């Protein structure tokens, strides 16, 4: 499993992010504090506090193609 910190602070970025990751077969979750939602669920993502970074947990070790496609959302914050 890989964990990547993301910043999804606009409605447009959430829609674009979900459209991008939906093309991949990996199981993915988004975590914000103690809340975890399916990363491919727009409604689930909007239930999180998007004013701070969220953590994408990819349930695969071979996901370099996914990481390359979402690099514009990757945050330096930990």
N, C-alpha and C. Protein backbone atom coordinates (compact mmCIF):
# COMPACT_ATOMS: atom_id res chain seq x y z
N UNK A 1 0.85 -1.18 0.00
CA UNK A 1 0.00 0.00 0.00
C UNK A 1 0.89 1.24 0.00
N UNK A 2 0.49 2.23 -0.76
CA UNK A 2 1.20 3.51 -0.80
C UNK A 2 0.28 4.60 -0.29
N UNK A 3 0.86 5.56 0.42
CA UNK A 3 0.11 6.72 0.92
C UNK A 3 0.69 7.98 0.32
N UNK A 4 -0.19 8.84 -0.19
CA UNK A 4 0.22 10.07 -0.87
C UNK A 4 -0.62 11.21 -0.31
N UNK A 5 0.01 12.29 0.09
CA UNK A 5 -0.70 13.45 0.61
C UNK A 5 -1.13 14.34 -0.56
N UNK A 6 -2.42 14.68 -0.58
CA UNK A 6 -3.00 15.46 -1.67
C UNK A 6 -3.67 16.72 -1.14
N UNK A 7 -3.81 17.69 -2.02
CA UNK A 7 -4.58 18.89 -1.71
C UNK A 7 -5.69 19.01 -2.75
N UNK A 8 -6.92 18.84 -2.30
CA UNK A 8 -8.11 18.92 -3.16
C UNK A 8 -9.03 19.99 -2.61
N UNK A 9 -8.66 21.25 -2.79
CA UNK A 9 -9.38 22.32 -2.11
C UNK A 9 -10.39 23.07 -2.96
N UNK A 10 -10.68 22.59 -4.17
CA UNK A 10 -11.72 23.22 -4.99
C UNK A 10 -12.66 22.16 -5.54
N UNK A 11 -13.87 22.57 -5.86
CA UNK A 11 -14.83 21.65 -6.44
C UNK A 11 -14.31 21.09 -7.76
N UNK A 12 -13.73 21.93 -8.55
CA UNK A 12 -13.20 21.50 -9.86
C UNK A 12 -12.07 20.50 -9.69
N UNK A 13 -11.20 20.70 -8.71
CA UNK A 13 -10.10 19.75 -8.52
C UNK A 13 -10.62 18.39 -8.06
N UNK A 14 -11.67 18.37 -7.25
CA UNK A 14 -12.25 17.10 -6.80
C UNK A 14 -12.85 16.35 -8.00
N UNK A 15 -13.61 17.05 -8.84
CA UNK A 15 -14.22 16.40 -10.01
C UNK A 15 -13.15 15.87 -10.96
N UNK A 16 -12.14 16.65 -11.21
CA UNK A 16 -11.06 16.23 -12.09
C UNK A 16 -10.29 15.05 -11.51
N UNK A 17 -10.03 15.09 -10.20
CA UNK A 17 -9.32 14.01 -9.52
C UNK A 17 -10.09 12.70 -9.63
N UNK A 18 -11.39 12.73 -9.36
CA UNK A 18 -12.20 11.51 -9.42
C UNK A 18 -12.26 10.97 -10.85
N UNK A 19 -12.39 11.85 -11.84
CA UNK A 19 -12.38 11.40 -13.23
C UNK A 19 -11.07 10.73 -13.59
N UNK A 20 -9.97 11.26 -13.08
CA UNK A 20 -8.64 10.70 -13.37
C UNK A 20 -8.46 9.34 -12.71
N UNK A 21 -8.74 9.23 -11.42
CA UNK A 21 -8.46 7.97 -10.73
C UNK A 21 -9.47 6.87 -11.06
N UNK A 22 -10.63 7.23 -11.58
CA UNK A 22 -11.63 6.22 -11.92
C UNK A 22 -11.18 5.32 -13.07
N UNK A 23 -10.18 5.76 -13.80
CA UNK A 23 -9.64 4.95 -14.91
C UNK A 23 -8.77 3.80 -14.42
N UNK A 24 -8.40 3.80 -13.15
CA UNK A 24 -7.50 2.79 -12.60
C UNK A 24 -8.29 1.76 -11.79
N UNK A 25 -7.85 0.51 -11.83
CA UNK A 25 -8.56 -0.57 -11.14
C UNK A 25 -8.16 -0.73 -9.67
N UNK A 26 -7.21 0.05 -9.20
CA UNK A 26 -6.77 -0.09 -7.81
C UNK A 26 -7.88 0.31 -6.86
N UNK A 27 -7.91 -0.35 -5.69
CA UNK A 27 -8.76 0.12 -4.60
C UNK A 27 -8.05 1.28 -3.94
N UNK A 28 -8.77 2.38 -3.70
CA UNK A 28 -8.17 3.58 -3.13
C UNK A 28 -9.11 4.20 -2.11
N UNK A 29 -8.53 4.70 -1.03
CA UNK A 29 -9.30 5.41 0.00
C UNK A 29 -8.67 6.78 0.21
N UNK A 30 -9.49 7.72 0.67
CA UNK A 30 -8.99 9.03 1.10
C UNK A 30 -9.21 9.12 2.60
N UNK A 31 -8.17 9.56 3.30
CA UNK A 31 -8.23 9.68 4.75
C UNK A 31 -7.98 11.12 5.15
N UNK A 32 -8.83 11.60 6.04
CA UNK A 32 -8.67 12.94 6.61
C UNK A 32 -8.98 12.81 8.09
N UNK A 33 -7.93 12.82 8.91
CA UNK A 33 -8.12 12.59 10.33
C UNK A 33 -8.60 11.17 10.57
N UNK A 34 -9.71 11.03 11.24
CA UNK A 34 -10.23 9.69 11.52
C UNK A 34 -11.26 9.22 10.50
N UNK A 35 -11.54 10.03 9.50
CA UNK A 35 -12.53 9.70 8.49
C UNK A 35 -11.87 9.09 7.26
N UNK A 36 -12.46 8.02 6.74
CA UNK A 36 -11.96 7.35 5.54
C UNK A 36 -13.12 7.16 4.58
N UNK A 37 -12.92 7.56 3.31
CA UNK A 37 -13.96 7.39 2.29
C UNK A 37 -13.33 6.77 1.04
N UNK A 38 -14.19 6.21 0.21
CA UNK A 38 -13.76 5.68 -1.08
C UNK A 38 -13.27 6.85 -1.94
N UNK A 39 -12.06 6.75 -2.45
CA UNK A 39 -11.47 7.86 -3.21
C UNK A 39 -12.18 8.11 -4.54
N UNK A 40 -12.95 7.15 -5.01
CA UNK A 40 -13.66 7.31 -6.28
C UNK A 40 -15.07 7.85 -6.10
N UNK A 41 -15.43 8.21 -4.87
CA UNK A 41 -16.76 8.71 -4.56
C UNK A 41 -16.73 10.23 -4.37
N UNK A 42 -17.35 10.94 -5.28
CA UNK A 42 -17.39 12.41 -5.18
C UNK A 42 -18.10 12.83 -3.90
N UNK A 43 -19.23 12.21 -3.60
CA UNK A 43 -19.96 12.57 -2.38
C UNK A 43 -19.14 12.28 -1.14
N UNK A 44 -18.44 11.16 -1.14
CA UNK A 44 -17.59 10.83 0.00
C UNK A 44 -16.49 11.86 0.20
N UNK A 45 -15.87 12.29 -0.88
CA UNK A 45 -14.79 13.28 -0.79
C UNK A 45 -15.32 14.60 -0.25
N UNK A 46 -16.50 15.02 -0.72
CA UNK A 46 -17.05 16.28 -0.24
C UNK A 46 -17.47 16.22 1.22
N UNK A 47 -17.54 15.04 1.81
CA UNK A 47 -17.86 14.95 3.23
C UNK A 47 -16.62 15.18 4.10
N UNK A 48 -15.45 15.26 3.48
CA UNK A 48 -14.20 15.49 4.22
C UNK A 48 -13.92 16.97 4.35
N UNK A 49 -13.03 17.33 5.27
CA UNK A 49 -12.57 18.71 5.43
C UNK A 49 -11.50 18.95 4.37
N UNK A 50 -11.88 19.62 3.28
CA UNK A 50 -10.95 19.81 2.16
C UNK A 50 -10.11 21.07 2.29
N UNK A 51 -10.21 21.75 3.44
CA UNK A 51 -9.35 22.91 3.67
C UNK A 51 -7.95 22.51 4.11
N UNK A 52 -7.77 21.22 4.35
CA UNK A 52 -6.44 20.72 4.73
C UNK A 52 -6.12 19.51 3.87
N UNK A 53 -4.87 19.12 3.80
CA UNK A 53 -4.49 17.98 2.95
C UNK A 53 -5.17 16.69 3.39
N UNK A 54 -5.41 15.82 2.41
CA UNK A 54 -5.96 14.49 2.67
C UNK A 54 -4.93 13.46 2.20
N UNK A 55 -5.05 12.25 2.70
CA UNK A 55 -4.09 11.20 2.35
C UNK A 55 -4.78 10.16 1.47
N UNK A 56 -4.23 9.95 0.28
CA UNK A 56 -4.71 8.91 -0.62
C UNK A 56 -3.97 7.63 -0.29
N UNK A 57 -4.72 6.59 0.02
CA UNK A 57 -4.13 5.28 0.31
C UNK A 57 -4.47 4.36 -0.86
N UNK A 58 -3.43 3.98 -1.60
CA UNK A 58 -3.60 3.12 -2.77
C UNK A 58 -3.27 1.70 -2.33
N UNK A 59 -4.18 0.78 -2.55
CA UNK A 59 -4.00 -0.60 -2.11
C UNK A 59 -3.31 -1.42 -3.20
N UNK A 60 -2.13 -0.93 -3.60
CA UNK A 60 -1.29 -1.60 -4.59
C UNK A 60 0.11 -1.02 -4.46
N UNK A 61 1.11 -1.82 -4.74
CA UNK A 61 2.49 -1.31 -4.71
C UNK A 61 2.97 -0.87 -6.08
N UNK A 62 2.30 -1.33 -7.13
CA UNK A 62 2.68 -0.98 -8.49
C UNK A 62 1.70 0.05 -9.03
N UNK A 63 1.88 1.31 -8.66
CA UNK A 63 0.93 2.33 -9.07
C UNK A 63 1.63 3.60 -9.58
N UNK A 64 2.79 3.42 -10.20
CA UNK A 64 3.53 4.58 -10.70
C UNK A 64 2.75 5.35 -11.75
N UNK A 65 1.97 4.65 -12.58
CA UNK A 65 1.17 5.33 -13.60
C UNK A 65 0.09 6.20 -12.96
N UNK A 66 -0.49 5.72 -11.89
CA UNK A 66 -1.48 6.52 -11.15
C UNK A 66 -0.84 7.76 -10.56
N UNK A 67 0.29 7.59 -9.90
CA UNK A 67 0.98 8.72 -9.26
C UNK A 67 1.35 9.78 -10.29
N UNK A 68 1.79 9.35 -11.46
CA UNK A 68 2.14 10.29 -12.52
C UNK A 68 0.91 11.08 -12.97
N UNK A 69 -0.24 10.43 -13.04
CA UNK A 69 -1.45 11.10 -13.52
C UNK A 69 -2.06 12.07 -12.50
N UNK A 70 -1.71 11.93 -11.22
CA UNK A 70 -2.29 12.81 -10.19
C UNK A 70 -1.25 13.74 -9.56
N UNK A 71 -0.09 13.86 -10.17
CA UNK A 71 0.98 14.64 -9.52
C UNK A 71 0.62 16.11 -9.30
N UNK A 72 -0.33 16.66 -10.06
CA UNK A 72 -0.69 18.06 -9.83
C UNK A 72 -1.47 18.26 -8.53
N UNK A 73 -1.98 17.16 -7.95
CA UNK A 73 -2.71 17.25 -6.68
C UNK A 73 -1.85 16.92 -5.48
N UNK A 74 -0.64 16.43 -5.70
CA UNK A 74 0.22 16.01 -4.61
C UNK A 74 0.72 17.23 -3.84
N UNK A 75 0.60 17.15 -2.52
CA UNK A 75 0.97 18.25 -1.63
C UNK A 75 2.29 17.95 -0.95
N UNK A 76 3.04 18.99 -0.65
CA UNK A 76 4.29 18.84 0.10
C UNK A 76 4.02 18.74 1.59
N UNK A 77 2.85 19.12 2.03
CA UNK A 77 2.51 19.11 3.46
C UNK A 77 2.37 17.68 3.95
N UNK A 78 2.76 17.46 5.17
CA UNK A 78 2.63 16.13 5.78
C UNK A 78 1.63 16.16 6.89
